[in-house]
Amino acid sequence: MVDEKKSNLALFAGQQIRKLFDAGEWWFSIINVVDVLVERPEEEAQY
């Protein structure tokens, strides 16, 4: 049995976005995506 789950980081506008590949679909961290879209620096990110 092969583990289908893979994790990676994507780059968007020079910032990292966490992503996970599961069951044939990519899932992205909404927190990371919103931070990039509102141009919030990584050091100000609130999790």
PDB file of N, CA and C in Angstrom:
ATOM      1  N   MET A   1       0.850  -1.194   0.000  1.00  0.00           N
ATOM      2  CA  MET A   1       0.000   0.000   0.000  1.00  0.00           C
ATOM      3  C   MET A   1       0.882   1.238   0.000  1.00  0.00           C
ATOM      4  N   VAL A   2       0.583   2.158  -0.888  1.00  0.00           N
ATOM      5  CA  VAL A   2       1.355   3.385  -1.017  1.00  0.00           C
ATOM      6  C   VAL A   2       0.612   4.515  -0.323  1.00  0.00           C
ATOM      7  N   ASP A   3       1.331   5.303   0.470  1.00  0.00           N
ATOM      8  CA  ASP A   3       0.730   6.459   1.135  1.00  0.00           C
ATOM      9  C   ASP A   3       0.504   7.557   0.105  1.00  0.00           C
ATOM     10  N   GLU A   4      -0.768   7.913  -0.138  1.00  0.00           N
ATOM     11  CA  GLU A   4      -1.092   8.917  -1.146  1.00  0.00           C
ATOM     12  C   GLU A   4      -0.912  10.339  -0.644  1.00  0.00           C
ATOM     13  N   LYS A   5      -0.785  10.531   0.657  1.00  0.00           N
ATOM     14  CA  LYS A   5      -0.697  11.884   1.189  1.00  0.00           C
ATOM     15  C   LYS A   5       0.704  12.440   0.978  1.00  0.00           C
ATOM     16  N   LYS A   6       0.769  13.625   0.413  1.00  0.00           N
ATOM     17  CA  LYS A   6       2.032  14.316   0.191  1.00  0.00           C
ATOM     18  C   LYS A   6       1.853  15.743   0.667  1.00  0.00           C
ATOM     19  N   SER A   7       2.876  16.288   1.290  1.00  0.00           N
ATOM     20  CA  SER A   7       2.781  17.690   1.675  1.00  0.00           C
ATOM     21  C   SER A   7       3.898  18.466   1.010  1.00  0.00           C
ATOM     22  N   ASN A   8       3.636  19.693   0.704  1.00  0.00           N
ATOM     23  CA  ASN A   8       4.576  20.569   0.024  1.00  0.00           C
ATOM     24  C   ASN A   8       4.282  22.004   0.392  1.00  0.00           C
ATOM     25  N   LEU A   9       5.169  22.863  -0.011  1.00  0.00           N
ATOM     26  CA  LEU A   9       4.933  24.290   0.112  1.00  0.00           C
ATOM     27  C   LEU A   9       4.824  24.861  -1.290  1.00  0.00           C
ATOM     28  N   ALA A  10       3.868  25.722  -1.495  1.00  0.00           N
ATOM     29  CA  ALA A  10       3.728  26.421  -2.765  1.00  0.00           C
ATOM     30  C   ALA A  10       4.188  27.854  -2.543  1.00  0.00           C
ATOM     31  N   LEU A  11       4.708  28.480  -3.576  1.00  0.00           N
ATOM     32  CA  LEU A  11       5.082  29.883  -3.489  1.00  0.00           C
ATOM     33  C   LEU A  11       4.092  30.705  -4.292  1.00  0.00           C
ATOM     34  N   PHE A  12       3.615  31.769  -3.685  1.00  0.00           N
ATOM     35  CA  PHE A  12       2.690  32.688  -4.347  1.00  0.00           C
ATOM     36  C   PHE A  12       3.080  34.077  -3.901  1.00  0.00           C
ATOM     37  N   ALA A  13       3.406  34.937  -4.842  1.00  0.00           N
ATOM     38  CA  ALA A  13       3.846  36.303  -4.532  1.00  0.00           C
ATOM     39  C   ALA A  13       5.016  36.282  -3.556  1.00  0.00           C
ATOM     40  N   GLY A  14       5.886  35.283  -3.695  1.00  0.00           N
ATOM     41  CA  GLY A  14       7.082  35.205  -2.861  1.00  0.00           C
ATOM     42  C   GLY A  14       6.864  34.698  -1.453  1.00  0.00           C
ATOM     43  N   GLN A  15       5.636  34.303  -1.104  1.00  0.00           N
ATOM     44  CA  GLN A  15       5.359  33.796   0.236  1.00  0.00           C
ATOM     45  C   GLN A  15       4.966  32.322   0.153  1.00  0.00           C
ATOM     46  N   GLN A  16       5.261  31.590   1.218  1.00  0.00           N
ATOM     47  CA  GLN A  16       4.954  30.171   1.244  1.00  0.00           C
ATOM     48  C   GLN A  16       3.496  29.925   1.621  1.00  0.00           C
ATOM     49  N   ILE A  17       2.894  28.971   0.938  1.00  0.00           N
ATOM     50  CA  ILE A  17       1.534  28.534   1.246  1.00  0.00           C
ATOM     51  C   ILE A  17       1.592  27.024   1.469  1.00  0.00           C
ATOM     52  N   ARG A  18       1.147  26.589   2.638  1.00  0.00           N
ATOM     53  CA  ARG A  18       1.137  25.157   2.932  1.00  0.00           C
ATOM     54  C   ARG A  18       0.062  24.474   2.103  1.00  0.00           C
ATOM     55  N   LYS A  19       0.397  23.280   1.583  1.00  0.00           N
ATOM     56  CA  LYS A  19      -0.587  22.526   0.808  1.00  0.00           C
ATOM     57  C   LYS A  19      -0.407  21.052   1.082  1.00  0.00           C
ATOM     58  N   LEU A  20      -1.483  20.292   0.844  1.00  0.00           N
ATOM     59  CA  LEU A  20      -1.498  18.859   1.091  1.00  0.00           C
ATOM     60  C   LEU A  20      -2.228  18.182  -0.058  1.00  0.00           C
ATOM     61  N   PHE A  21      -1.669  17.100  -0.578  1.00  0.00           N
ATOM     62  CA  PHE A  21      -2.311  16.330  -1.630  1.00  0.00           C
ATOM     63  C   PHE A  21      -2.927  15.099  -0.990  1.00  0.00           C
ATOM     64  N   ASP A  22      -4.253  14.960  -1.093  1.00  0.00           N
ATOM     65  CA  ASP A  22      -4.949  13.831  -0.467  1.00  0.00           C
ATOM     66  C   ASP A  22      -6.102  13.403  -1.356  1.00  0.00           C
ATOM     67  N   ALA A  23      -6.207  12.122  -1.592  1.00  0.00           N
ATOM     68  CA  ALA A  23      -7.313  11.540  -2.373  1.00  0.00           C
ATOM     69  C   ALA A  23      -7.454  12.202  -3.746  1.00  0.00           C
ATOM     70  N   GLY A  24      -6.319  12.522  -4.373  1.00  0.00           N
ATOM     71  CA  GLY A  24      -6.349  13.091  -5.716  1.00  0.00           C
ATOM     72  C   GLY A  24      -6.669  14.568  -5.780  1.00  0.00           C
ATOM     73  N   GLU A  25      -6.674  15.256  -4.645  1.00  0.00           N
ATOM     74  CA  GLU A  25      -6.993  16.685  -4.616  1.00  0.00           C
ATOM     75  C   GLU A  25      -5.926  17.440  -3.836  1.00  0.00           C
ATOM     76  N   TRP A  26      -5.668  18.687  -4.254  1.00  0.00           N
ATOM     77  CA  TRP A  26      -4.778  19.571  -3.499  1.00  0.00           C
ATOM     78  C   TRP A  26      -5.614  20.396  -2.532  1.00  0.00           C
ATOM     79  N   TRP A  27      -5.159  20.497  -1.288  1.00  0.00           N
ATOM     80  CA  TRP A  27      -5.792  21.310  -0.259  1.00  0.00           C
ATOM     81  C   TRP A  27      -4.782  22.369   0.173  1.00  0.00           C
ATOM     82  N   PHE A  28      -5.205  23.637   0.237  1.00  0.00           N
ATOM     83  CA  PHE A  28      -4.324  24.743   0.585  1.00  0.00           C
ATOM     84  C   PHE A  28      -4.744  25.347   1.916  1.00  0.00           C
ATOM     85  N   SER A  29      -3.770  25.834   2.666  1.00  0.00           N
ATOM     86  CA  SER A  29      -4.046  26.494   3.940  1.00  0.00           C
ATOM     87  C   SER A  29      -4.702  27.842   3.677  1.00  0.00           C
ATOM     88  N   ILE A  30      -5.951  27.987   4.090  1.00  0.00           N
ATOM     89  CA  ILE A  30      -6.675  29.237   3.853  1.00  0.00           C
ATOM     90  C   ILE A  30      -6.030  30.406   4.582  1.00  0.00           C
ATOM     91  N   ILE A  31      -5.435  30.148   5.732  1.00  0.00           N
ATOM     92  CA  ILE A  31      -4.749  31.209   6.480  1.00  0.00           C
ATOM     93  C   ILE A  31      -3.597  31.764   5.657  1.00  0.00           C
ATOM     94  N   ASN A  32      -2.800  30.883   5.069  1.00  0.00           N
ATOM     95  CA  ASN A  32      -1.682  31.331   4.254  1.00  0.00           C
ATOM     96  C   ASN A  32      -2.158  32.075   3.009  1.00  0.00           C
ATOM     97  N   VAL A  33      -3.214  31.601   2.370  1.00  0.00           N
ATOM     98  CA  VAL A  33      -3.741  32.242   1.164  1.00  0.00           C
ATOM     99  C   VAL A  33      -4.247  33.648   1.486  1.00  0.00           C
ATOM    100  N   VAL A  34      -5.017  33.793   2.553  1.00  0.00           N
ATOM    101  CA  VAL A  34      -5.545  35.108   2.934  1.00  0.00           C
ATOM    102  C   VAL A  34      -4.406  36.063   3.280  1.00  0.00           C
ATOM    103  N   ASP A  35      -3.395  35.577   4.003  1.00  0.00           N
ATOM    104  CA  ASP A  35      -2.248  36.426   4.344  1.00  0.00           C
ATOM    105  C   ASP A  35      -1.585  36.993   3.089  1.00  0.00           C
ATOM    106  N   VAL A  36      -1.454  36.166   2.051  1.00  0.00           N
ATOM    107  CA  VAL A  36      -0.852  36.641   0.802  1.00  0.00           C
ATOM    108  C   VAL A  36      -1.770  37.651   0.118  1.00  0.00           C
ATOM    109  N   LEU A  37      -3.062  37.365   0.083  1.00  0.00           N
ATOM    110  CA  LEU A  37      -3.997  38.245  -0.616  1.00  0.00           C
ATOM    111  C   LEU A  37      -4.133  39.614   0.041  1.00  0.00           C
ATOM    112  N   VAL A  38      -4.024  39.680   1.368  1.00  0.00           N
ATOM    113  CA  VAL A  38      -4.125  40.979   2.056  1.00  0.00           C
ATOM    114  C   VAL A  38      -2.747  41.584   2.298  1.00  0.00           C
ATOM    115  N   GLU A  39      -1.726  40.918   1.743  1.00  0.00           N
ATOM    116  CA  GLU A  39      -0.340  41.385   1.815  1.00  0.00           C
ATOM    117  C   GLU A  39       0.138  41.562   3.248  1.00  0.00           C
ATOM    118  N   ARG A  40      -0.249  40.640   4.115  1.00  0.00           N
ATOM    119  CA  ARG A  40       0.195  40.666   5.505  1.00  0.00           C
ATOM    120  C   ARG A  40       1.544  39.970   5.596  1.00  0.00           C
ATOM    121  N   PRO A  41       2.555  40.620   6.196  1.00  0.00           N
ATOM    122  CA  PRO A  41       3.859  39.971   6.350  1.00  0.00           C
ATOM    123  C   PRO A  41       3.745  38.708   7.192  1.00  0.00           C
ATOM    124  N   GLU A  42       4.589  37.701   6.918  1.00  0.00           N
ATOM    125  CA  GLU A  42       4.545  36.437   7.638  1.00  0.00           C
ATOM    126  C   GLU A  42       4.718  36.614   9.132  1.00  0.00           C
ATOM    127  N   GLU A  43       5.544  37.562   9.562  1.00  0.00           N
ATOM    128  CA  GLU A  43       5.775  37.737  10.991  1.00  0.00           C
ATOM    129  C   GLU A  43       4.542  38.287  11.723  1.00  0.00           C
ATOM    130  N   GLU A  44       3.566  38.818  10.992  1.00  0.00           N
ATOM    131  CA  GLU A  44       2.338  39.319  11.605  1.00  0.00           C
ATOM    132  C   GLU A  44       1.206  38.305  11.544  1.00  0.00           C
ATOM    133  N   ALA A  45       1.436  37.164  10.935  1.00  0.00           N
ATOM    134  CA  ALA A  45       0.386  36.152  10.782  1.00  0.00           C
ATOM    135  C   ALA A  45      -0.091  35.670  12.144  1.00  0.00           C
ATOM    136  N   GLN A  46      -1.407  35.522  12.265  1.00  0.00           N
ATOM    137  CA  GLN A  46      -2.006  35.053  13.501  1.00  0.00           C
ATOM    138  C   GLN A  46      -2.683  33.715  13.232  1.00  0.00           C
ATOM    139  N   TYR A  47      -2.254  32.691  13.942  1.00  0.00           N
ATOM    140  CA  TYR A  47      -2.816  31.348  13.726  1.00  0.00           C
ATOM    141  C   TYR A  47      -3.672  30.946  14.878  1.00  0.00           C
TER     142      TYR A  47
END
